[in-house]
Amino acid sequence: MIKKNILLFLILSILTLFLSFLLKYFLEINELISISLAEQFSKEQLQEVTSYNNKAEKLIYIFTPLFLFVKVSIIAAIIDAGCFFFGKEIKYKKLFTIVVKAEFIFLLVIVFKIVWFCFFQINYTLQDLQYFYPLSALNIVGYQGLESWFIYPFQVLNLFEVAYWFILAYLIGKEINDTTDKGFLIVASSYGVGLLIWVVGAMFLTLNMS
């Protein structure tokens, strides 16, 4: 089980890093950042900021697997608490595997983003890239004119998140030899509550910073 968890997590991390690299390469994100910063800084300042961004980018690639590990570990722990609440027992190692499997759905977000801006919305700005989240409520209402603290919640309301819930529910229901509906109740009462608290916290933080 441990070897399986490590292998699945490594595959998830490698694919995440690879697709993130493709995203930056095909959408020329670094160039867009430079264009955006050129309006605010002098040439010398821009060179310093660009150099800093290049160093930060390397750190992001290094810390991405760590971020994924922390995220998966926390979600698995939260769902573990949900299982306990419903009187169901699943080993934490198995829950970790379930969450890692479900996380693969979010790789499609990067793929959709690359395809969208490469073939459909060819003319785009840095803000378009930052706020675009495929199949989300934000794409329906648009980010222009929307209060900054509403942007993240509208991004979270997306079909990939819905699929994530159902994958978790299906795999949990299968593990406890029960229905997907039971698994969905466990997910909603644990991960769902945690996600709601996270979103509200992000809204509060954004509101205070704006």
N, C-alpha and C. Protein backbone atom coordinates (compact mmCIF):
# COMPACT_ATOMS: atom_id res chain seq x y z
N MET A 1 0.82 -1.21 0.00
CA MET A 1 0.00 0.00 0.00
C MET A 1 0.86 1.27 0.00
N ILE A 2 1.92 1.25 0.81
CA ILE A 2 2.79 2.42 0.88
C ILE A 2 3.48 2.67 -0.46
N LYS A 3 3.98 1.59 -1.09
CA LYS A 3 4.63 1.73 -2.39
C LYS A 3 3.65 2.24 -3.44
N LYS A 4 2.40 1.77 -3.36
CA LYS A 4 1.37 2.21 -4.30
C LYS A 4 1.08 3.69 -4.11
N ASN A 5 0.99 4.11 -2.85
CA ASN A 5 0.75 5.53 -2.55
C ASN A 5 1.88 6.40 -3.08
N ILE A 6 3.11 5.96 -2.86
CA ILE A 6 4.27 6.73 -3.32
C ILE A 6 4.27 6.84 -4.84
N LEU A 7 4.00 5.72 -5.53
CA LEU A 7 3.99 5.70 -7.00
C LEU A 7 2.90 6.61 -7.55
N LEU A 8 1.68 6.50 -6.99
CA LEU A 8 0.58 7.34 -7.45
C LEU A 8 0.87 8.82 -7.21
N PHE A 9 1.42 9.11 -6.06
CA PHE A 9 1.73 10.50 -5.73
C PHE A 9 2.82 11.05 -6.63
N LEU A 10 3.82 10.25 -6.93
CA LEU A 10 4.89 10.68 -7.83
C LEU A 10 4.35 10.96 -9.23
N ILE A 11 3.48 10.09 -9.71
CA ILE A 11 2.87 10.30 -11.03
C ILE A 11 2.06 11.59 -11.05
N LEU A 12 1.28 11.81 -9.98
CA LEU A 12 0.48 13.04 -9.88
C LEU A 12 1.38 14.27 -9.87
N SER A 13 2.45 14.23 -9.10
CA SER A 13 3.37 15.37 -8.99
C SER A 13 4.06 15.65 -10.32
N ILE A 14 4.54 14.58 -10.98
CA ILE A 14 5.24 14.75 -12.25
C ILE A 14 4.32 15.31 -13.32
N LEU A 15 3.10 14.79 -13.39
CA LEU A 15 2.14 15.29 -14.39
C LEU A 15 1.76 16.74 -14.10
N THR A 16 1.61 17.08 -12.82
CA THR A 16 1.28 18.46 -12.45
C THR A 16 2.39 19.41 -12.87
N LEU A 17 3.63 19.04 -12.60
CA LEU A 17 4.77 19.87 -12.98
C LEU A 17 4.91 19.97 -14.49
N PHE A 18 4.71 18.86 -15.18
CA PHE A 18 4.85 18.84 -16.64
C PHE A 18 3.79 19.71 -17.30
N LEU A 19 2.54 19.57 -16.86
CA LEU A 19 1.46 20.37 -17.45
C LEU A 19 1.60 21.84 -17.09
N SER A 20 2.09 22.13 -15.89
CA SER A 20 2.33 23.52 -15.50
C SER A 20 3.41 24.15 -16.39
N PHE A 21 4.43 23.36 -16.72
CA PHE A 21 5.48 23.83 -17.62
C PHE A 21 4.91 24.11 -19.01
N LEU A 22 4.07 23.19 -19.50
CA LEU A 22 3.45 23.38 -20.82
C LEU A 22 2.56 24.62 -20.83
N LEU A 23 1.86 24.84 -19.72
CA LEU A 23 0.99 26.00 -19.60
C LEU A 23 1.79 27.29 -19.75
N LYS A 24 2.90 27.40 -19.03
CA LYS A 24 3.74 28.59 -19.08
C LYS A 24 4.40 28.76 -20.44
N TYR A 25 4.76 27.62 -21.06
CA TYR A 25 5.45 27.67 -22.35
C TYR A 25 4.51 28.09 -23.48
N PHE A 26 3.39 27.40 -23.60
CA PHE A 26 2.48 27.66 -24.71
C PHE A 26 1.74 28.99 -24.58
N LEU A 27 1.44 29.39 -23.35
CA LEU A 27 0.70 30.63 -23.15
C LEU A 27 1.61 31.83 -22.90
N GLU A 28 2.93 31.58 -22.93
CA GLU A 28 3.93 32.64 -22.80
C GLU A 28 3.65 33.54 -21.58
N ILE A 29 3.47 32.89 -20.46
CA ILE A 29 3.11 33.61 -19.24
C ILE A 29 4.20 34.58 -18.79
N ASN A 30 5.46 34.15 -18.88
CA ASN A 30 6.56 35.03 -18.47
C ASN A 30 6.59 36.32 -19.29
N GLU A 31 6.30 36.21 -20.57
CA GLU A 31 6.26 37.39 -21.43
C GLU A 31 5.11 38.31 -21.03
N LEU A 32 3.96 37.73 -20.71
CA LEU A 32 2.81 38.52 -20.28
C LEU A 32 3.10 39.25 -18.97
N ILE A 33 3.82 38.57 -18.08
CA ILE A 33 4.20 39.19 -16.80
C ILE A 33 5.13 40.38 -17.05
N SER A 34 6.08 40.19 -17.95
CA SER A 34 7.03 41.27 -18.27
C SER A 34 6.31 42.47 -18.87
N ILE A 35 5.35 42.22 -19.76
CA ILE A 35 4.59 43.31 -20.37
C ILE A 35 3.78 44.06 -19.32
N SER A 36 3.19 43.30 -18.39
CA SER A 36 2.39 43.91 -17.34
C SER A 36 3.25 44.75 -16.39
N LEU A 37 4.43 44.24 -16.06
CA LEU A 37 5.32 44.94 -15.14
C LEU A 37 6.00 46.14 -15.79
N ALA A 38 6.17 46.08 -17.11
CA ALA A 38 6.84 47.17 -17.82
C ALA A 38 6.09 48.49 -17.67
N GLU A 39 4.79 48.39 -17.42
CA GLU A 39 3.97 49.60 -17.27
C GLU A 39 4.15 50.23 -15.87
N GLN A 40 4.74 49.46 -14.95
CA GLN A 40 4.84 49.94 -13.57
C GLN A 40 6.28 50.21 -13.12
N PHE A 41 7.27 49.59 -13.80
CA PHE A 41 8.65 49.72 -13.36
C PHE A 41 9.55 50.24 -14.47
N SER A 42 10.71 50.75 -14.06
CA SER A 42 11.72 51.18 -15.03
C SER A 42 12.42 49.94 -15.58
N LYS A 43 13.28 50.12 -16.56
CA LYS A 43 13.96 49.00 -17.20
C LYS A 43 14.83 48.24 -16.19
N GLU A 44 15.56 49.00 -15.35
CA GLU A 44 16.43 48.37 -14.35
C GLU A 44 15.62 47.61 -13.31
N GLN A 45 14.53 48.24 -12.86
CA GLN A 45 13.66 47.59 -11.88
C GLN A 45 13.03 46.33 -12.47
N LEU A 46 12.65 46.42 -13.75
CA LEU A 46 12.03 45.28 -14.42
C LEU A 46 12.99 44.10 -14.49
N GLN A 47 14.26 44.38 -14.75
CA GLN A 47 15.26 43.32 -14.80
C GLN A 47 15.42 42.64 -13.44
N GLU A 48 15.38 43.43 -12.37
CA GLU A 48 15.49 42.89 -11.03
C GLU A 48 14.28 42.01 -10.69
N VAL A 49 13.11 42.54 -11.03
CA VAL A 49 11.87 41.79 -10.74
C VAL A 49 11.83 40.50 -11.55
N THR A 50 12.26 40.56 -12.82
CA THR A 50 12.27 39.38 -13.68
C THR A 50 13.22 38.33 -13.13
N SER A 51 14.39 38.79 -12.66
CA SER A 51 15.36 37.87 -12.08
C SER A 51 14.79 37.21 -10.83
N TYR A 52 14.10 37.99 -10.02
CA TYR A 52 13.47 37.46 -8.80
C TYR A 52 12.38 36.44 -9.16
N ASN A 53 11.59 36.76 -10.19
CA ASN A 53 10.52 35.86 -10.62
C ASN A 53 11.07 34.53 -11.13
N ASN A 54 12.21 34.59 -11.82
CA ASN A 54 12.83 33.36 -12.33
C ASN A 54 13.27 32.45 -11.19
N LYS A 55 13.83 33.08 -10.14
CA LYS A 55 14.24 32.31 -8.97
C LYS A 55 13.02 31.73 -8.24
N ALA A 56 11.98 32.57 -8.13
CA ALA A 56 10.76 32.13 -7.45
C ALA A 56 10.09 30.99 -8.22
N GLU A 57 10.19 31.04 -9.55
CA GLU A 57 9.59 30.00 -10.39
C GLU A 57 10.23 28.64 -10.12
N LYS A 58 11.54 28.64 -9.93
CA LYS A 58 12.25 27.40 -9.62
C LYS A 58 11.79 26.84 -8.27
N LEU A 59 11.59 27.75 -7.32
CA LEU A 59 11.13 27.32 -6.00
C LEU A 59 9.72 26.74 -6.07
N ILE A 60 8.89 27.33 -6.94
CA ILE A 60 7.53 26.84 -7.10
C ILE A 60 7.54 25.40 -7.59
N TYR A 61 8.42 25.10 -8.55
CA TYR A 61 8.52 23.73 -9.07
C TYR A 61 8.97 22.76 -7.97
N ILE A 62 9.85 23.25 -7.09
CA ILE A 62 10.35 22.42 -6.01
C ILE A 62 9.28 22.16 -4.96
N PHE A 63 8.51 23.22 -4.64
CA PHE A 63 7.54 23.11 -3.56
C PHE A 63 6.17 22.58 -4.00
N THR A 64 5.93 22.46 -5.31
CA THR A 64 4.65 21.93 -5.79
C THR A 64 4.35 20.54 -5.24
N PRO A 65 5.30 19.59 -5.30
CA PRO A 65 5.02 18.27 -4.70
C PRO A 65 4.73 18.35 -3.20
N LEU A 66 5.44 19.25 -2.51
CA LEU A 66 5.21 19.41 -1.07
C LEU A 66 3.80 19.94 -0.82
N PHE A 67 3.38 20.93 -1.62
CA PHE A 67 2.04 21.49 -1.50
C PHE A 67 0.99 20.41 -1.74
N LEU A 68 1.21 19.59 -2.78
CA LEU A 68 0.27 18.51 -3.09
C LEU A 68 0.19 17.50 -1.94
N PHE A 69 1.35 17.19 -1.37
CA PHE A 69 1.39 16.22 -0.27
C PHE A 69 0.61 16.74 0.94
N VAL A 70 0.83 18.01 1.27
CA VAL A 70 0.12 18.61 2.40
C VAL A 70 -1.38 18.65 2.14
N LYS A 71 -1.75 19.04 0.92
CA LYS A 71 -3.17 19.12 0.55
C LYS A 71 -3.84 17.75 0.67
N VAL A 72 -3.22 16.73 0.07
CA VAL A 72 -3.79 15.38 0.09
C VAL A 72 -3.86 14.85 1.52
N SER A 73 -2.81 15.09 2.29
CA SER A 73 -2.77 14.61 3.67
C SER A 73 -3.88 15.22 4.52
N ILE A 74 -4.09 16.53 4.36
CA ILE A 74 -5.12 17.22 5.14
C ILE A 74 -6.52 16.74 4.75
N ILE A 75 -6.76 16.63 3.43
CA ILE A 75 -8.08 16.17 2.96
C ILE A 75 -8.36 14.75 3.42
N ALA A 76 -7.34 13.89 3.35
CA ALA A 76 -7.50 12.51 3.82
C ALA A 76 -7.83 12.48 5.31
N ALA A 77 -7.17 13.34 6.09
CA ALA A 77 -7.42 13.40 7.53
C ALA A 77 -8.83 13.90 7.82
N ILE A 78 -9.29 14.88 7.06
CA ILE A 78 -10.64 15.43 7.24
C ILE A 78 -11.69 14.38 6.92
N ILE A 79 -11.47 13.65 5.82
CA ILE A 79 -12.43 12.60 5.44
C ILE A 79 -12.39 11.46 6.46
N ASP A 80 -11.22 11.22 7.01
CA ASP A 80 -11.09 10.20 8.06
C ASP A 80 -11.99 10.55 9.24
N ALA A 81 -12.03 11.84 9.59
CA ALA A 81 -12.91 12.30 10.67
C ALA A 81 -14.38 12.10 10.28
N GLY A 82 -14.68 12.34 8.99
CA GLY A 82 -16.04 12.13 8.50
C GLY A 82 -16.46 10.68 8.58
N CYS A 83 -15.54 9.78 8.25
CA CYS A 83 -15.83 8.34 8.35
C CYS A 83 -16.12 7.95 9.79
N PHE A 84 -15.33 8.49 10.72
CA PHE A 84 -15.53 8.20 12.14
C PHE A 84 -16.90 8.69 12.60
N PHE A 85 -17.31 9.86 12.10
CA PHE A 85 -18.61 10.43 12.48
C PHE A 85 -19.75 9.53 12.04
N PHE A 86 -19.60 8.85 10.89
CA PHE A 86 -20.64 7.96 10.38
C PHE A 86 -20.44 6.51 10.82
N GLY A 87 -19.47 6.29 11.69
CA GLY A 87 -19.24 4.94 12.20
C GLY A 87 -18.61 4.02 11.18
N LYS A 88 -17.90 4.57 10.21
CA LYS A 88 -17.22 3.78 9.19
C LYS A 88 -15.71 3.89 9.40
N GLU A 89 -15.02 2.80 9.11
CA GLU A 89 -13.56 2.82 9.31
C GLU A 89 -12.84 2.49 8.02
N ILE A 90 -11.98 3.42 7.61
CA ILE A 90 -11.09 3.20 6.46
C ILE A 90 -9.69 3.58 6.91
N LYS A 91 -8.74 2.72 6.63
CA LYS A 91 -7.36 3.03 7.01
C LYS A 91 -6.89 4.31 6.33
N TYR A 92 -6.11 5.08 7.07
CA TYR A 92 -5.64 6.38 6.54
C TYR A 92 -4.85 6.20 5.24
N LYS A 93 -4.07 5.13 5.15
CA LYS A 93 -3.29 4.87 3.93
C LYS A 93 -4.22 4.73 2.72
N LYS A 94 -5.36 4.05 2.95
CA LYS A 94 -6.32 3.85 1.86
C LYS A 94 -6.99 5.18 1.50
N LEU A 95 -7.31 5.99 2.51
CA LEU A 95 -7.90 7.29 2.26
C LEU A 95 -6.94 8.19 1.48
N PHE A 96 -5.66 8.10 1.81
CA PHE A 96 -4.64 8.86 1.10
C PHE A 96 -4.65 8.47 -0.38
N THR A 97 -4.72 7.16 -0.64
CA THR A 97 -4.77 6.66 -2.02
C THR A 97 -6.00 7.19 -2.74
N ILE A 98 -7.16 7.16 -2.07
CA ILE A 98 -8.41 7.63 -2.66
C ILE A 98 -8.33 9.10 -3.04
N VAL A 99 -7.79 9.91 -2.15
CA VAL A 99 -7.67 11.35 -2.41
C VAL A 99 -6.70 11.62 -3.56
N VAL A 100 -5.59 10.90 -3.60
CA VAL A 100 -4.62 11.06 -4.69
C VAL A 100 -5.28 10.72 -6.03
N LYS A 101 -6.02 9.64 -6.08
CA LYS A 101 -6.72 9.26 -7.32
C LYS A 101 -7.69 10.35 -7.76
N ALA A 102 -8.43 10.91 -6.79
CA ALA A 102 -9.39 11.96 -7.12
C ALA A 102 -8.70 13.23 -7.62
N GLU A 103 -7.49 13.51 -7.10
CA GLU A 103 -6.76 14.72 -7.47
C GLU A 103 -6.40 14.76 -8.95
N PHE A 104 -6.36 13.61 -9.61
CA PHE A 104 -6.00 13.57 -11.03
C PHE A 104 -7.00 14.35 -11.88
N ILE A 105 -8.24 14.50 -11.40
CA ILE A 105 -9.26 15.23 -12.17
C ILE A 105 -8.85 16.68 -12.39
N PHE A 106 -8.11 17.25 -11.45
CA PHE A 106 -7.73 18.65 -11.56
C PHE A 106 -6.62 18.89 -12.58
N LEU A 107 -5.99 17.82 -13.05
CA LEU A 107 -5.02 17.97 -14.13
C LEU A 107 -5.71 18.42 -15.41
N LEU A 108 -6.98 18.03 -15.55
CA LEU A 108 -7.75 18.42 -16.73
C LEU A 108 -7.98 19.93 -16.77
N VAL A 109 -7.95 20.57 -15.60
CA VAL A 109 -8.10 22.03 -15.55
C VAL A 109 -6.98 22.70 -16.35
N ILE A 110 -5.75 22.22 -16.14
CA ILE A 110 -4.60 22.79 -16.85
C ILE A 110 -4.70 22.51 -18.33
N VAL A 111 -5.11 21.29 -18.68
CA VAL A 111 -5.26 20.91 -20.09
C VAL A 111 -6.30 21.79 -20.77
N PHE A 112 -7.46 21.97 -20.13
CA PHE A 112 -8.52 22.81 -20.68
C PHE A 112 -8.04 24.24 -20.86
N LYS A 113 -7.25 24.73 -19.90
CA LYS A 113 -6.76 26.11 -19.96
C LYS A 113 -5.82 26.29 -21.15
N ILE A 114 -4.93 25.33 -21.36
CA ILE A 114 -4.01 25.39 -22.49
C ILE A 114 -4.77 25.39 -23.81
N VAL A 115 -5.71 24.46 -23.93
CA VAL A 115 -6.49 24.33 -25.17
C VAL A 115 -7.31 25.58 -25.43
N TRP A 116 -7.93 26.13 -24.38
CA TRP A 116 -8.80 27.29 -24.54
C TRP A 116 -8.04 28.50 -25.08
N PHE A 117 -6.90 28.80 -24.48
CA PHE A 117 -6.16 30.00 -24.87
C PHE A 117 -5.28 29.79 -26.10
N CYS A 118 -5.04 28.54 -26.46
CA CYS A 118 -4.27 28.27 -27.68
C CYS A 118 -5.15 28.26 -28.92
N PHE A 119 -6.43 27.87 -28.75
CA PHE A 119 -7.27 27.69 -29.93
C PHE A 119 -8.55 28.54 -29.95
N PHE A 120 -9.04 28.98 -28.81
CA PHE A 120 -10.31 29.69 -28.78
C PHE A 120 -10.15 31.17 -28.43
N GLN A 121 -9.52 31.47 -27.33
CA GLN A 121 -9.30 32.87 -26.94
C GLN A 121 -7.81 33.19 -27.13
N ILE A 122 -7.46 33.45 -28.38
CA ILE A 122 -6.04 33.64 -28.72
C ILE A 122 -5.50 34.96 -28.17
N ASN A 123 -6.33 36.00 -28.18
CA ASN A 123 -5.92 37.29 -27.63
C ASN A 123 -6.35 37.36 -26.16
N TYR A 124 -5.39 37.38 -25.27
CA TYR A 124 -5.71 37.37 -23.84
C TYR A 124 -4.68 38.17 -23.07
N THR A 125 -5.08 38.55 -21.87
CA THR A 125 -4.19 39.31 -20.98
C THR A 125 -3.79 38.43 -19.80
N LEU A 126 -2.91 38.94 -18.98
CA LEU A 126 -2.48 38.21 -17.79
C LEU A 126 -3.66 37.99 -16.85
N GLN A 127 -4.52 38.98 -16.75
CA GLN A 127 -5.71 38.86 -15.89
C GLN A 127 -6.65 37.77 -16.40
N ASP A 128 -6.78 37.67 -17.73
CA ASP A 128 -7.63 36.63 -18.31
C ASP A 128 -7.14 35.25 -17.87
N LEU A 129 -5.82 35.06 -17.87
CA LEU A 129 -5.24 33.78 -17.46
C LEU A 129 -5.43 33.54 -15.97
N GLN A 130 -5.24 34.58 -15.18
CA GLN A 130 -5.34 34.45 -13.72
C GLN A 130 -6.75 34.07 -13.28
N TYR A 131 -7.74 34.67 -13.90
CA TYR A 131 -9.12 34.49 -13.44
C TYR A 131 -9.88 33.40 -14.19
N PHE A 132 -9.31 32.89 -15.27
CA PHE A 132 -10.01 31.86 -16.03
C PHE A 132 -9.95 30.53 -15.30
N TYR A 133 -11.12 29.93 -15.11
CA TYR A 133 -11.20 28.58 -14.56
C TYR A 133 -12.26 27.85 -15.37
N PRO A 134 -11.84 26.86 -16.17
CA PRO A 134 -12.79 26.20 -17.08
C PRO A 134 -14.00 25.58 -16.37
N LEU A 135 -15.14 25.72 -17.02
CA LEU A 135 -16.40 25.14 -16.54
C LEU A 135 -16.75 25.60 -15.13
N SER A 136 -16.45 26.87 -14.83
CA SER A 136 -16.76 27.42 -13.52
C SER A 136 -17.83 28.51 -13.61
N ALA A 137 -18.38 28.86 -12.46
CA ALA A 137 -19.39 29.92 -12.42
C ALA A 137 -18.79 31.27 -12.80
N LEU A 138 -17.50 31.44 -12.53
CA LEU A 138 -16.84 32.71 -12.85
C LEU A 138 -16.82 32.96 -14.35
N ASN A 139 -16.71 31.90 -15.14
CA ASN A 139 -16.73 32.07 -16.60
C ASN A 139 -18.09 32.49 -17.11
N ILE A 140 -19.11 32.21 -16.32
CA ILE A 140 -20.47 32.59 -16.73
C ILE A 140 -20.73 34.06 -16.41
N VAL A 141 -20.37 34.48 -15.20
CA VAL A 141 -20.64 35.86 -14.78
C VAL A 141 -19.53 36.83 -15.21
N GLY A 142 -18.31 36.30 -15.44
CA GLY A 142 -17.18 37.15 -15.81
C GLY A 142 -16.58 37.83 -14.59
N TYR A 143 -15.27 38.10 -14.66
CA TYR A 143 -14.60 38.73 -13.51
C TYR A 143 -14.63 40.25 -13.55
N GLN A 144 -14.90 40.81 -14.74
CA GLN A 144 -14.96 42.26 -14.84
C GLN A 144 -16.15 42.80 -14.04
N GLY A 145 -15.89 43.74 -13.19
CA GLY A 145 -16.95 44.35 -12.40
C GLY A 145 -17.34 43.55 -11.17
N LEU A 146 -16.74 42.38 -11.00
CA LEU A 146 -17.06 41.54 -9.85
C LEU A 146 -16.13 41.90 -8.69
N GLU A 147 -16.68 41.99 -7.50
CA GLU A 147 -15.86 42.29 -6.33
C GLU A 147 -14.77 41.24 -6.19
N SER A 148 -13.55 41.67 -5.84
CA SER A 148 -12.40 40.76 -5.79
C SER A 148 -12.62 39.59 -4.85
N TRP A 149 -13.35 39.82 -3.75
CA TRP A 149 -13.53 38.75 -2.77
C TRP A 149 -14.59 37.73 -3.20
N PHE A 150 -15.27 38.00 -4.33
CA PHE A 150 -16.22 37.04 -4.87
C PHE A 150 -15.59 36.14 -5.94
N ILE A 151 -14.42 36.52 -6.43
CA ILE A 151 -13.80 35.80 -7.55
C ILE A 151 -13.47 34.36 -7.19
N TYR A 152 -12.79 34.16 -6.06
CA TYR A 152 -12.40 32.80 -5.68
C TYR A 152 -13.59 31.86 -5.47
N PRO A 153 -14.64 32.28 -4.75
CA PRO A 153 -15.80 31.39 -4.59
C PRO A 153 -16.43 30.99 -5.92
N PHE A 154 -16.47 31.93 -6.87
CA PHE A 154 -17.04 31.61 -8.18
C PHE A 154 -16.13 30.66 -8.97
N GLN A 155 -14.81 30.72 -8.70
CA GLN A 155 -13.90 29.78 -9.32
C GLN A 155 -14.08 28.37 -8.75
N VAL A 156 -14.31 28.31 -7.45
CA VAL A 156 -14.48 27.02 -6.78
C VAL A 156 -15.75 26.31 -7.26
N LEU A 157 -16.76 27.09 -7.63
CA LEU A 157 -18.00 26.51 -8.15
C LEU A 157 -17.77 26.09 -9.60
N ASN A 158 -17.25 24.89 -9.79
CA ASN A 158 -16.95 24.40 -11.13
C ASN A 158 -17.24 22.91 -11.24
N LEU A 159 -17.35 22.43 -12.46
CA LEU A 159 -17.71 21.03 -12.69
C LEU A 159 -16.60 20.07 -12.30
N PHE A 160 -15.34 20.53 -12.32
CA PHE A 160 -14.24 19.67 -11.90
C PHE A 160 -14.33 19.38 -10.40
N GLU A 161 -14.72 20.39 -9.64
CA GLU A 161 -14.90 20.20 -8.19
C GLU A 161 -16.04 19.23 -7.93
N VAL A 162 -17.12 19.34 -8.72
CA VAL A 162 -18.25 18.42 -8.59
C VAL A 162 -17.79 16.99 -8.89
N ALA A 163 -17.02 16.85 -9.97
CA ALA A 163 -16.49 15.52 -10.34
C ALA A 163 -15.59 14.97 -9.23
N TYR A 164 -14.81 15.86 -8.63
CA TYR A 164 -13.91 15.48 -7.53
C TYR A 164 -14.70 14.89 -6.37
N TRP A 165 -15.81 15.54 -6.02
CA TRP A 165 -16.68 15.05 -4.94
C TRP A 165 -17.21 13.66 -5.26
N PHE A 166 -17.67 13.47 -6.49
CA PHE A 166 -18.28 12.20 -6.87
C PHE A 166 -17.25 11.07 -6.95
N ILE A 167 -16.03 11.41 -7.38
CA ILE A 167 -14.97 10.40 -7.40
C ILE A 167 -14.65 9.95 -5.98
N LEU A 168 -14.50 10.93 -5.09
CA LEU A 168 -14.27 10.62 -3.68
C LEU A 168 -15.41 9.77 -3.12
N ALA A 169 -16.65 10.18 -3.41
CA ALA A 169 -17.83 9.48 -2.89
C ALA A 169 -17.89 8.04 -3.41
N TYR A 170 -17.60 7.87 -4.70
CA TYR A 170 -17.65 6.52 -5.30
C TYR A 170 -16.59 5.61 -4.67
N LEU A 171 -15.37 6.11 -4.57
CA LEU A 171 -14.27 5.29 -4.04
C LEU A 171 -14.46 4.99 -2.55
N ILE A 172 -14.99 5.96 -1.81
CA ILE A 172 -15.26 5.73 -0.38
C ILE A 172 -16.40 4.73 -0.20
N GLY A 173 -17.47 4.92 -0.98
CA GLY A 173 -18.60 3.98 -0.92
C GLY A 173 -18.17 2.57 -1.25
N LYS A 174 -17.29 2.44 -2.23
CA LYS A 174 -16.77 1.13 -2.62
C LYS A 174 -15.93 0.52 -1.51
N GLU A 175 -15.14 1.35 -0.84
CA GLU A 175 -14.24 0.87 0.21
C GLU A 175 -15.01 0.40 1.44
N ILE A 176 -16.12 1.07 1.75
CA ILE A 176 -16.90 0.69 2.94
C ILE A 176 -18.03 -0.27 2.60
N ASN A 177 -18.02 -0.76 1.34
CA ASN A 177 -19.05 -1.69 0.87
C ASN A 177 -20.46 -1.12 1.03
N ASP A 178 -20.59 0.14 0.65
CA ASP A 178 -21.88 0.82 0.76
C ASP A 178 -22.13 1.57 -0.54
N THR A 179 -23.19 2.34 -0.59
CA THR A 179 -23.55 3.05 -1.80
C THR A 179 -22.72 4.33 -1.98
N THR A 180 -22.74 4.85 -3.20
CA THR A 180 -22.08 6.12 -3.49
C THR A 180 -22.75 7.25 -2.72
N ASP A 181 -24.06 7.12 -2.50
CA ASP A 181 -24.79 8.13 -1.74
C ASP A 181 -24.24 8.25 -0.32
N LYS A 182 -23.92 7.11 0.28
CA LYS A 182 -23.34 7.12 1.62
C LYS A 182 -21.96 7.77 1.58
N GLY A 183 -21.22 7.44 0.55
CA GLY A 183 -19.90 8.05 0.39
C GLY A 183 -20.01 9.55 0.21
N PHE A 184 -21.04 9.98 -0.52
CA PHE A 184 -21.24 11.41 -0.76
C PHE A 184 -21.57 12.14 0.55
N LEU A 185 -22.36 11.49 1.41
CA LEU A 185 -22.68 12.08 2.72
C LEU A 185 -21.42 12.28 3.55
N ILE A 186 -20.53 11.29 3.49
CA ILE A 186 -19.28 11.39 4.24
C ILE A 186 -18.42 12.52 3.68
N VAL A 187 -18.34 12.61 2.36
CA VAL A 187 -17.55 13.66 1.71
C VAL A 187 -18.12 15.04 2.02
N ALA A 188 -19.44 15.17 1.90
CA ALA A 188 -20.09 16.46 2.13
C ALA A 188 -19.94 16.94 3.56
N SER A 189 -20.04 16.00 4.51
CA SER A 189 -19.99 16.38 5.93
C SER A 189 -18.57 16.63 6.43
N SER A 190 -17.59 16.20 5.67
CA SER A 190 -16.18 16.38 6.09
C SER A 190 -15.45 17.33 5.15
N TYR A 191 -15.15 16.86 3.96
CA TYR A 191 -14.45 17.70 2.98
C TYR A 191 -15.27 18.93 2.61
N GLY A 192 -16.59 18.74 2.46
CA GLY A 192 -17.46 19.85 2.07
C GLY A 192 -17.44 20.97 3.10
N VAL A 193 -17.51 20.60 4.37
CA VAL A 193 -17.47 21.60 5.45
C VAL A 193 -16.10 22.28 5.48
N GLY A 194 -15.04 21.48 5.31
CA GLY A 194 -13.69 22.05 5.29
C GLY A 194 -13.49 23.02 4.14
N LEU A 195 -14.02 22.65 2.97
CA LEU A 195 -13.91 23.52 1.80
C LEU A 195 -14.67 24.83 2.02
N LEU A 196 -15.85 24.73 2.62
CA LEU A 196 -16.65 25.93 2.90
C LEU A 196 -15.88 26.87 3.84
N ILE A 197 -15.29 26.32 4.89
CA ILE A 197 -14.51 27.13 5.83
C ILE A 197 -13.33 27.79 5.11
N TRP A 198 -12.67 27.03 4.23
CA TRP A 198 -11.53 27.54 3.47
C TRP A 198 -11.93 28.71 2.57
N VAL A 199 -13.05 28.54 1.87
CA VAL A 199 -13.53 29.58 0.94
C VAL A 199 -13.92 30.84 1.70
N VAL A 200 -14.64 30.66 2.81
CA VAL A 200 -15.04 31.82 3.62
C VAL A 200 -13.80 32.54 4.15
N GLY A 201 -12.80 31.76 4.58
CA GLY A 201 -11.56 32.36 5.07
C GLY A 201 -10.84 33.13 3.98
N ALA A 202 -10.81 32.57 2.76
CA ALA A 202 -10.17 33.25 1.63
C ALA A 202 -10.91 34.53 1.28
N MET A 203 -12.25 34.51 1.34
CA MET A 203 -13.06 35.70 1.08
C MET A 203 -12.77 36.78 2.11
N PHE A 204 -12.71 36.38 3.37
CA PHE A 204 -12.45 37.33 4.46
C PHE A 204 -11.07 37.97 4.30
N LEU A 205 -10.07 37.14 3.97
CA LEU A 205 -8.70 37.64 3.79
C LEU A 205 -8.63 38.61 2.62
N THR A 206 -9.27 38.24 1.51
CA THR A 206 -9.26 39.11 0.32
C THR A 206 -9.97 40.42 0.59
N LEU A 207 -11.06 40.37 1.34
CA LEU A 207 -11.82 41.56 1.67
C LEU A 207 -10.99 42.52 2.52
N ASN A 208 -10.24 41.96 3.46
CA ASN A 208 -9.41 42.80 4.34
C ASN A 208 -8.21 43.39 3.61
N MET A 209 -7.73 42.68 2.58
CA MET A 209 -6.57 43.16 1.85
C MET A 209 -6.93 44.16 0.76
N SER A 210 -8.18 44.15 0.34
CA SER A 210 -8.60 45.05 -0.76
C SER A 210 -8.97 46.42 -0.26
